[in-house]
């Protein structure tokens, strides 16, 4: 079995793609259809919503960070276990980085590669017929990217719907959805994007409200009829990140959540066991594990509790004397000497690396990263190139004296200098690893 799919795109972030995608996925799942969500690019929050909405794990499909064979393998895997695959675009449909053709990281790359139709979500607040000009621009910008239908979002009235909808249909694009403004459908946000699905006490109720909206405001049958078969070939997982050990102690709670679904899936498929533990519950990694992984998340929101978790701190220090420990982004911050929270309060962290970080002195760090490893570590072997992504507001206030772990460059290969840290068995980086380069 292989799925039929389409891409949900928009001119920009904030147009309503996520609400439309989640509402569609939940509504289709309630109809008994095996629908699955995917996210173009490196976003690690939206796949969690896709998972809760459908019961099937989400997946990232990133044309920059993933080699074509790995991208095909992940797309084929997702398509083999679903009837319908809905791919949510990151940012605007064509937004990516300049470089090799087809490897910009944009959702448009996926539309070209897999010949998937695009459902264009337009936020028409503050405009009416002008929506048609925007839609026409999308329809003609790239002949290899097919806009198959339009959803009008944040309409103010029936008259507003009629003016915008008739103008769009006049240029030959079907309007398959019209959504009235409704603040109750908005998902809460914070500094790294949406508040995660796992943190909502009433998440299922909210997803069902979005599904009710989709049933009411979208022509789901027409949208399904627009979908095209997805059958990638030349698939190969050889560029996936290898499991760093046989039994991996994985920090997993509200402070440590950002592990890409495709990485966890591949590690398990390769025979590794993921053994979760909660630093916020003062748990330490189990002694029968052979490596410990601290993923990113929101330790800056829980710094005081982490600082007082004595069993966690002692267990991590003992573990690191004999076995590898790796931290990414938030995990990297916790491995350091101290973390300053948003109020400027300094909290002692694990001290397994020598740097200190601050969330009070904020500066956004965002973009793709290419990292050449300077030594063997849980990410790979010395001289391996790892592709990943960095997105955080914290910054290093005290660099420490540890060995650097990587030679870092941005997505276009511009050098950023040596980065990360290594001390004994302990390593860390501010970037999230996605795949081997």
Protein backbone atom coordinates (compact mmCIF):
# COMPACT_ATOMS: atom_id res chain seq x y z
CA UNK A 1 0.00 0.00 0.00
CA UNK A 2 1.17 3.53 -0.71
CA UNK A 3 -0.53 6.76 0.26
CA UNK A 4 -1.88 9.59 -1.80
CA UNK A 5 -0.67 12.98 -0.66
CA UNK A 6 -0.63 16.74 -0.98
CA UNK A 7 1.20 19.70 0.49
CA UNK A 8 -0.39 22.43 2.62
CA UNK A 9 1.39 25.64 1.65
CA UNK A 10 1.02 29.35 2.26
CA UNK A 11 2.72 32.69 1.49
CA UNK A 12 4.23 32.93 4.99
CA UNK A 13 4.25 31.63 8.53
CA UNK A 14 1.16 32.56 10.51
CA UNK A 15 -1.28 32.01 7.62
CA UNK A 16 -3.05 29.13 9.37
CA UNK A 17 -1.31 26.12 7.80
CA UNK A 18 -0.94 24.26 11.09
CA UNK A 19 -4.58 24.66 12.12
CA UNK A 20 -5.77 23.57 8.67
CA UNK A 21 -3.38 20.61 8.62
CA UNK A 22 -4.24 19.41 12.12
CA UNK A 23 -7.96 19.94 11.57
CA UNK A 24 -7.84 17.96 8.32
CA UNK A 25 -5.79 15.15 9.84
CA UNK A 26 -8.07 14.83 12.84
CA UNK A 27 -11.26 14.96 10.74
CA UNK A 28 -9.99 12.34 8.30
CA UNK A 29 -8.89 10.10 11.19
CA UNK A 30 -12.33 10.39 12.79
CA UNK A 31 -13.77 9.14 9.47
CA UNK A 32 -11.69 5.98 9.83
CA UNK A 33 -9.06 6.99 7.25
CA UNK A 34 -5.39 6.26 8.04
CA UNK A 35 -4.12 9.81 7.58
CA UNK A 36 -0.57 10.79 8.43
CA UNK A 37 1.17 14.13 8.81
CA UNK A 38 4.62 15.22 7.65
CA UNK A 39 6.49 18.50 8.02
CA UNK A 40 8.81 20.01 5.46
CA UNK A 41 11.99 21.37 6.99
CA UNK A 42 13.41 21.04 10.50
CA UNK A 43 10.43 21.93 12.71
CA UNK A 44 10.28 19.46 15.62
CA UNK A 45 7.04 20.68 17.26
CA UNK A 46 4.38 20.27 14.56
CA UNK A 47 5.04 16.53 14.03
CA UNK A 48 3.97 16.06 17.65
CA UNK A 49 0.57 17.59 16.85
CA UNK A 50 0.31 15.39 13.75
CA UNK A 51 0.97 12.33 15.93
CA UNK A 52 -1.68 13.19 18.49
CA UNK A 53 -4.22 14.05 15.78
CA UNK A 54 -3.82 10.76 13.90
CA UNK A 55 -2.23 8.24 16.24
CA UNK A 56 0.55 7.76 13.67
CA UNK A 57 4.02 9.26 14.24
CA UNK A 58 4.82 12.41 12.31
CA UNK A 59 7.92 12.74 10.17
CA UNK A 60 10.18 15.53 8.93
CA UNK A 61 10.96 15.64 5.21
CA UNK A 62 13.85 18.06 4.82
CA UNK A 63 15.30 18.39 1.33
CA UNK A 64 18.38 20.31 2.56
CA UNK A 65 19.36 18.28 5.60
CA UNK A 66 18.51 14.86 4.16
CA UNK A 67 20.22 13.31 1.15
CA UNK A 68 17.80 12.38 -1.66
CA UNK A 69 17.98 8.63 -0.85
CA UNK A 70 17.23 9.26 2.85
CA UNK A 71 14.44 11.72 2.00
CA UNK A 72 12.92 9.10 -0.32
CA UNK A 73 13.25 6.40 2.34
CA UNK A 74 11.41 8.47 4.95
CA UNK A 75 8.70 9.53 2.50
CA UNK A 76 8.23 5.93 1.35
CA UNK A 77 8.09 4.68 4.93
CA UNK A 78 5.41 7.23 5.83
CA UNK A 79 3.43 6.48 2.68
CA UNK A 80 3.55 2.71 3.18
CA UNK A 81 1.64 2.89 6.44
CA UNK A 82 -1.13 5.34 5.55
CA UNK A 83 -3.95 6.03 3.13
CA UNK A 84 -3.31 9.77 2.95
CA UNK A 85 -0.18 11.83 3.68
CA UNK A 86 -0.61 15.55 4.41
CA UNK A 87 2.69 17.46 4.23
CA UNK A 88 2.67 20.78 6.08
CA UNK A 89 5.04 23.39 4.68
CA UNK A 90 7.42 25.28 6.92
CA UNK A 91 7.26 29.09 6.48
CA UNK A 92 6.23 30.08 2.95
CA UNK A 93 5.91 27.43 0.25
CA UNK A 94 9.04 28.50 -1.65
CA UNK A 95 11.11 29.55 1.36
CA UNK A 96 14.48 27.81 1.62
CA UNK A 97 18.15 28.60 1.21
CA UNK A 98 19.98 29.19 -2.08
CA UNK A 99 22.12 26.31 -3.23
CA UNK A 100 21.85 23.00 -5.04
CA UNK A 101 18.69 22.65 -7.10
CA UNK A 102 16.09 20.67 -5.19
CA UNK A 103 17.94 20.95 -1.87
CA UNK A 104 16.73 24.28 -0.52
CA UNK A 105 14.73 22.84 2.39
CA UNK A 106 11.50 24.30 1.00
CA UNK A 107 8.20 22.47 0.63
CA UNK A 108 8.31 23.40 -3.06
CA UNK A 109 11.24 20.98 -3.42
CA UNK A 110 8.95 18.16 -2.24
CA UNK A 111 6.17 19.26 -4.60
CA UNK A 112 8.57 19.05 -7.57
CA UNK A 113 10.28 15.85 -6.48
CA UNK A 114 7.13 13.83 -5.80
CA UNK A 115 4.72 15.68 -8.12
CA UNK A 116 2.48 16.45 -5.16
CA UNK A 117 -0.31 19.02 -5.56
CA UNK A 118 -0.37 22.04 -3.26
CA UNK A 119 -3.34 23.27 -1.27
CA UNK A 120 -2.71 26.99 -0.77
CA UNK A 121 -3.90 28.52 2.51
CA UNK A 122 -4.42 32.28 2.22
CA UNK A 123 -4.94 34.56 5.20
CA UNK A 124 -7.35 37.03 3.57
CA UNK A 125 -7.87 39.28 6.57
CA UNK A 126 -7.53 42.85 5.37
CA UNK A 127 -8.09 41.99 1.70
CA UNK A 128 -10.67 40.48 -0.65
CA UNK A 129 -10.12 40.29 -4.43
CA UNK A 130 -6.38 40.82 -3.96
CA UNK A 131 -6.31 37.20 -2.76
CA UNK A 132 -6.69 36.20 -6.41
CA UNK A 133 -3.55 38.11 -7.39
CA UNK A 134 -1.59 36.29 -4.69
CA UNK A 135 -3.01 32.94 -5.75
CA UNK A 136 -2.20 33.64 -9.39
CA UNK A 137 1.37 34.52 -8.47
CA UNK A 138 1.74 31.17 -6.72
CA UNK A 139 0.14 29.33 -9.64
CA UNK A 140 2.52 30.83 -12.21
CA UNK A 141 5.76 31.28 -10.23
CA UNK A 142 7.09 27.78 -10.88
CA UNK A 143 5.56 25.57 -13.56
CA UNK A 144 6.80 22.46 -11.74
CA UNK A 145 4.82 23.32 -8.59
CA UNK A 146 1.12 22.74 -9.11
CA UNK A 147 -1.37 24.75 -7.03
CA UNK A 148 -4.44 22.51 -7.01
CA UNK A 149 -6.80 24.39 -4.72
CA UNK A 150 -7.17 27.30 -2.29
CA UNK A 151 -8.41 27.63 1.28
CA UNK A 152 -9.48 31.13 2.33
CA UNK A 153 -8.68 31.68 5.99
CA UNK A 154 -9.75 34.29 8.56
CA UNK A 155 -12.77 35.52 6.66
CA UNK A 156 -14.87 38.21 8.31
CA UNK A 157 -18.25 37.53 6.74
CA UNK A 158 -20.17 35.74 3.99
CA UNK A 159 -19.71 38.78 1.75
CA UNK A 160 -15.96 38.64 2.37
CA UNK A 161 -15.98 34.97 1.36
CA UNK A 162 -17.93 35.70 -1.82
CA UNK A 163 -15.69 38.57 -2.96
CA UNK A 164 -12.42 36.70 -2.36
CA UNK A 165 -13.71 33.31 -3.49
CA UNK A 166 -15.21 34.48 -6.76
CA UNK A 167 -12.01 36.35 -7.63
CA UNK A 168 -9.86 33.26 -6.99
CA UNK A 169 -12.14 30.95 -8.94
CA UNK A 170 -12.16 33.39 -11.86
CA UNK A 171 -8.44 32.66 -12.39
CA UNK A 172 -9.17 28.93 -12.58
CA UNK A 173 -8.34 27.74 -9.07
CA UNK A 174 -11.00 25.94 -7.04
CA UNK A 175 -11.78 27.28 -3.57
CA UNK A 176 -12.13 24.17 -1.40
CA UNK A 177 -12.31 25.84 1.98
CA UNK A 178 -13.52 29.04 3.63
CA UNK A 179 -12.76 29.56 7.32
CA UNK A 180 -14.25 32.36 9.40
CA UNK A 181 -12.10 34.17 11.95
CA UNK A 182 -12.23 32.32 15.25
CA UNK A 183 -9.66 33.15 17.96
CA UNK A 184 -10.62 30.01 19.90
CA UNK A 185 -8.95 27.89 17.21
CA UNK A 186 -5.55 29.52 17.71
CA UNK A 187 -2.86 27.35 19.26
CA UNK A 188 -0.80 29.00 22.05
CA UNK A 189 2.80 30.00 21.26
CA UNK A 190 6.04 30.84 23.03
CA UNK A 191 9.62 31.69 22.09
CA UNK A 192 10.38 28.60 19.95
CA UNK A 193 6.96 28.33 18.32
CA UNK A 194 3.82 26.51 19.37
CA UNK A 195 3.46 25.16 22.88
CA UNK A 196 3.96 21.44 22.38
CA UNK A 197 1.09 18.99 22.04
CA UNK A 198 2.26 17.02 25.08
CA UNK A 199 1.82 20.08 27.32
CA UNK A 200 -1.88 20.64 26.62
CA UNK A 201 -4.15 19.07 29.23
CA UNK A 202 -7.14 19.33 26.88
CA UNK A 203 -5.30 18.65 23.61
CA UNK A 204 -7.75 16.05 22.26
CA UNK A 205 -10.67 18.43 22.87
CA UNK A 206 -8.83 21.19 21.04
CA UNK A 207 -7.97 18.89 18.14
CA UNK A 208 -11.60 17.88 17.90
CA UNK A 209 -12.59 21.57 17.72
CA UNK A 210 -10.17 21.93 14.81
CA UNK A 211 -11.64 18.81 13.22
CA UNK A 212 -15.14 20.23 13.62
CA UNK A 213 -13.90 23.38 11.89
CA UNK A 214 -12.47 21.27 9.06
CA UNK A 215 -15.73 19.37 8.60
CA UNK A 216 -17.67 22.63 8.64
CA UNK A 217 -15.39 24.85 6.57
CA UNK A 218 -13.41 22.59 4.21
CA UNK A 219 -14.67 20.42 1.37
CA UNK A 220 -12.73 17.39 2.58
CA UNK A 221 -13.97 15.12 -0.20
CA UNK A 222 -12.83 17.63 -2.83
CA UNK A 223 -9.44 18.02 -1.10
CA UNK A 224 -8.94 14.24 -0.99
CA UNK A 225 -9.78 14.06 -4.69
CA UNK A 226 -6.93 16.51 -5.40
CA UNK A 227 -4.33 14.21 -3.82
CA UNK A 228 -1.81 12.32 -5.94
CA UNK A 229 -0.04 8.96 -5.39
CA UNK A 230 3.24 9.15 -3.49
CA UNK A 231 5.64 6.36 -4.45
CA UNK A 232 9.29 7.43 -3.96
CA UNK A 233 12.03 5.25 -5.42
CA UNK A 234 15.81 5.00 -4.83
CA UNK A 235 15.26 4.90 -1.08
CA UNK A 236 18.16 4.26 1.28
CA UNK A 237 18.63 4.82 5.03
CA UNK A 238 22.45 4.79 4.89
CA UNK A 239 22.67 8.56 5.59
CA UNK A 240 20.51 8.33 8.71
CA UNK A 241 22.18 8.96 12.07
CA UNK A 242 23.38 5.66 13.47
CA UNK A 243 22.28 4.68 16.99
CA UNK A 244 24.94 5.92 19.44
CA UNK A 245 24.57 2.75 21.50
CA UNK A 246 22.58 -0.42 22.00
CA UNK A 247 20.63 0.90 25.00
CA UNK A 248 20.18 4.67 24.95
CA UNK A 249 19.18 6.55 28.10
CA UNK A 250 17.00 9.35 26.73
CA UNK A 251 16.01 12.38 28.83
CA UNK A 252 12.31 12.83 28.17
CA UNK A 253 10.04 15.30 29.95
CA UNK A 254 8.85 18.91 29.64
CA UNK A 255 12.47 20.14 29.71
CA UNK A 256 13.80 17.63 27.14
CA UNK A 257 11.49 16.92 24.22
CA UNK A 258 13.11 17.74 20.88
CA UNK A 259 14.15 14.43 19.36
CA UNK A 260 13.23 14.18 15.69
CA UNK A 261 10.75 11.33 15.07
CA UNK A 262 12.78 9.93 12.16
CA UNK A 263 15.86 9.60 14.39
CA UNK A 264 14.03 7.67 17.11
CA UNK A 265 12.37 5.48 14.47
CA UNK A 266 15.68 4.64 12.78
CA UNK A 267 17.44 3.88 16.06
CA UNK A 268 14.68 1.46 17.01
CA UNK A 269 14.66 -0.11 13.54
CA UNK A 270 18.40 -0.70 13.91
CA UNK A 271 17.77 -2.64 17.12
CA UNK A 272 18.56 0.03 19.71
CA UNK A 273 16.42 0.41 22.82
CA UNK A 274 15.43 3.89 23.98
CA UNK A 275 15.17 4.03 27.77
CA UNK A 276 13.46 7.27 28.87
CA UNK A 277 14.12 9.01 32.15
CA UNK A 278 12.88 12.31 33.58
CA UNK A 279 15.39 14.79 35.00
CA UNK A 280 12.46 16.92 36.23
CA UNK A 281 11.29 13.93 38.28
CA UNK A 282 14.85 13.71 39.67
CA UNK A 283 15.58 10.51 37.75
CA UNK A 284 19.05 9.50 36.58
CA UNK A 285 19.94 7.43 33.50
CA UNK A 286 19.68 3.73 34.16
CA UNK A 287 22.94 2.01 34.90
CA UNK A 288 22.32 -0.71 32.28
CA UNK A 289 22.43 1.87 29.45
CA UNK A 290 25.59 2.38 27.42
CA UNK A 291 25.03 5.98 26.27
CA UNK A 292 22.99 8.97 27.46
CA UNK A 293 21.31 11.52 25.18
CA UNK A 294 19.98 14.88 26.40
CA UNK A 295 17.84 16.33 23.59
CA UNK A 296 16.76 19.92 23.25
CA UNK A 297 13.69 21.35 24.88
CA UNK A 298 12.94 24.06 27.43
CA UNK A 299 15.39 23.69 30.32
CA UNK A 300 15.41 27.49 30.63
CA UNK A 301 11.80 27.26 31.88
CA UNK A 302 12.72 24.62 34.49
CA UNK A 303 16.24 25.65 35.48
CA UNK A 304 15.54 25.87 39.22
CA UNK A 305 14.00 22.41 39.35
CA UNK A 306 16.89 20.90 37.37
CA UNK A 307 19.42 22.60 39.63
CA UNK A 308 17.79 21.05 42.72
CA UNK A 309 17.46 17.54 41.24
CA UNK A 310 20.26 15.95 43.26
CA UNK A 311 19.72 12.37 42.13
CA UNK A 312 19.73 13.42 38.48
CA UNK A 313 22.91 15.46 38.92
CA UNK A 314 24.78 12.73 40.79
CA UNK A 315 23.60 10.03 38.40
CA UNK A 316 24.70 12.00 35.34
CA UNK A 317 28.13 12.68 36.81
CA UNK A 318 28.63 9.02 37.65
CA UNK A 319 27.38 7.88 34.23
CA UNK A 320 29.75 10.28 32.43
CA UNK A 321 32.83 8.83 34.11
CA UNK A 322 32.64 5.68 31.99
CA UNK A 323 30.10 6.16 29.19
CA UNK A 324 29.28 8.71 26.46
CA UNK A 325 26.87 11.55 27.17
CA UNK A 326 25.68 13.91 24.42
CA UNK A 327 23.51 17.01 24.65
CA UNK A 328 21.82 19.06 21.93
CA UNK A 329 20.71 22.68 22.35
CA UNK A 330 18.83 22.60 25.68
CA UNK A 331 20.73 19.45 26.60
CA UNK A 332 23.98 21.24 25.79
CA UNK A 333 22.93 24.09 28.10
CA UNK A 334 22.27 21.67 30.96
CA UNK A 335 25.66 19.98 30.49
CA UNK A 336 27.37 23.32 31.21
CA UNK A 337 28.32 24.99 34.48
CA UNK A 338 25.31 27.29 34.81
CA UNK A 339 22.13 28.51 33.10
CA UNK A 340 20.73 32.00 33.64
CA UNK A 341 16.94 32.05 33.36
CA UNK A 342 14.75 34.80 31.87
CA UNK A 343 14.78 36.73 35.17
CA UNK A 344 18.57 36.74 35.29
CA UNK A 345 18.76 34.15 38.10
CA UNK A 346 21.80 31.88 37.81
CA UNK A 347 21.24 28.15 38.33
CA UNK A 348 23.99 25.58 38.68
CA UNK A 349 23.82 22.91 35.99
CA UNK A 350 25.69 19.60 35.63
CA UNK A 351 29.18 21.06 35.15
CA UNK A 352 30.14 18.23 32.79
CA UNK A 353 31.24 20.89 30.27
CA UNK A 354 32.77 24.26 31.11
CA UNK A 355 30.48 26.78 29.39
CA UNK A 356 27.62 28.81 30.88
CA UNK A 357 24.54 30.05 29.05
CA UNK A 358 21.94 32.76 29.50
CA UNK A 359 18.31 33.03 28.49
CA UNK A 360 18.11 36.52 29.98
CA UNK A 361 20.60 37.90 27.43
CA UNK A 362 18.59 36.77 24.43
CA UNK A 363 19.74 36.62 20.83
CA UNK A 364 18.01 34.54 18.19
CA UNK A 365 20.19 31.90 16.54
CA UNK A 366 18.44 30.31 13.56
CA UNK A 367 19.53 28.38 10.50
CA UNK A 368 20.83 25.21 8.94
CA UNK A 369 24.22 23.94 10.07
CA UNK A 370 26.91 21.73 8.54
CA UNK A 371 29.26 20.27 11.12
CA UNK A 372 32.50 18.39 10.48
CA UNK A 373 33.23 16.33 13.57
CA UNK A 374 36.68 16.88 15.08
CA UNK A 375 36.61 13.64 17.09
CA UNK A 376 34.58 10.49 17.56
CA UNK A 377 31.35 11.05 19.49
CA UNK A 378 27.74 9.81 19.63
CA UNK A 379 27.00 11.79 16.43
CA UNK A 380 29.57 9.87 14.39
CA UNK A 381 33.26 9.44 13.62
CA UNK A 382 35.90 12.13 13.34
CA UNK A 383 35.71 13.91 9.94
CA UNK A 384 32.06 12.87 9.40
CA UNK A 385 29.83 15.72 8.23
CA UNK A 386 26.51 16.08 10.05
CA UNK A 387 23.67 18.26 8.79
CA UNK A 388 21.36 19.89 11.27
CA UNK A 389 19.53 22.98 12.41
CA UNK A 390 19.94 25.59 15.13
CA UNK A 391 17.09 27.55 16.70
CA UNK A 392 17.41 29.07 20.15
CA UNK A 393 17.48 32.40 21.97
CA UNK A 394 20.05 31.53 24.59
CA UNK A 395 23.70 32.47 24.22
CA UNK A 396 26.96 31.39 25.74
CA UNK A 397 28.16 33.84 28.38
CA UNK A 398 31.25 31.92 29.52
CA UNK A 399 32.89 29.73 26.84
CA UNK A 400 34.89 27.44 29.13
CA UNK A 401 38.07 25.64 28.10
CA UNK A 402 36.78 22.37 26.64
CA UNK A 403 37.94 20.95 23.33
CA UNK A 404 35.72 21.97 20.43
CA UNK A 405 33.61 19.22 18.93
CA UNK A 406 32.91 20.49 15.41
CA UNK A 407 34.02 22.76 12.61
CA UNK A 408 30.74 24.53 11.92
CA UNK A 409 29.34 26.16 8.76
CA UNK A 410 25.94 27.54 7.83
CA UNK A 411 23.64 25.97 5.26
CA UNK A 412 25.52 27.56 2.35
CA UNK A 413 28.90 26.44 3.61
CA UNK A 414 30.01 29.77 5.09
CA UNK A 415 32.35 28.99 8.00
CA UNK A 416 31.11 29.77 11.51
CA UNK A 417 34.18 28.51 13.37
CA UNK A 418 34.79 25.75 15.86
CA UNK A 419 31.80 25.00 18.06
CA UNK A 420 30.35 22.65 20.63
CA UNK A 421 32.33 21.07 23.40
CA UNK A 422 34.04 17.86 24.42
CA UNK A 423 35.44 16.79 27.79
CA UNK A 424 36.19 13.13 28.36
CA UNK A 425 33.08 11.12 27.49
CA UNK A 426 30.86 14.22 27.38
CA UNK A 427 29.99 16.13 24.19
CA UNK A 428 27.45 18.75 23.22
CA UNK A 429 26.34 21.15 20.49
CA UNK A 430 23.83 23.95 20.13
CA UNK A 431 22.59 22.49 16.82
CA UNK A 432 20.14 19.61 16.43
CA UNK A 433 21.53 16.82 14.26
CA UNK A 434 19.19 15.66 11.48
CA UNK A 435 21.23 13.39 9.19
CA UNK A 436 24.68 12.53 7.95
CA UNK A 437 25.93 14.90 5.26
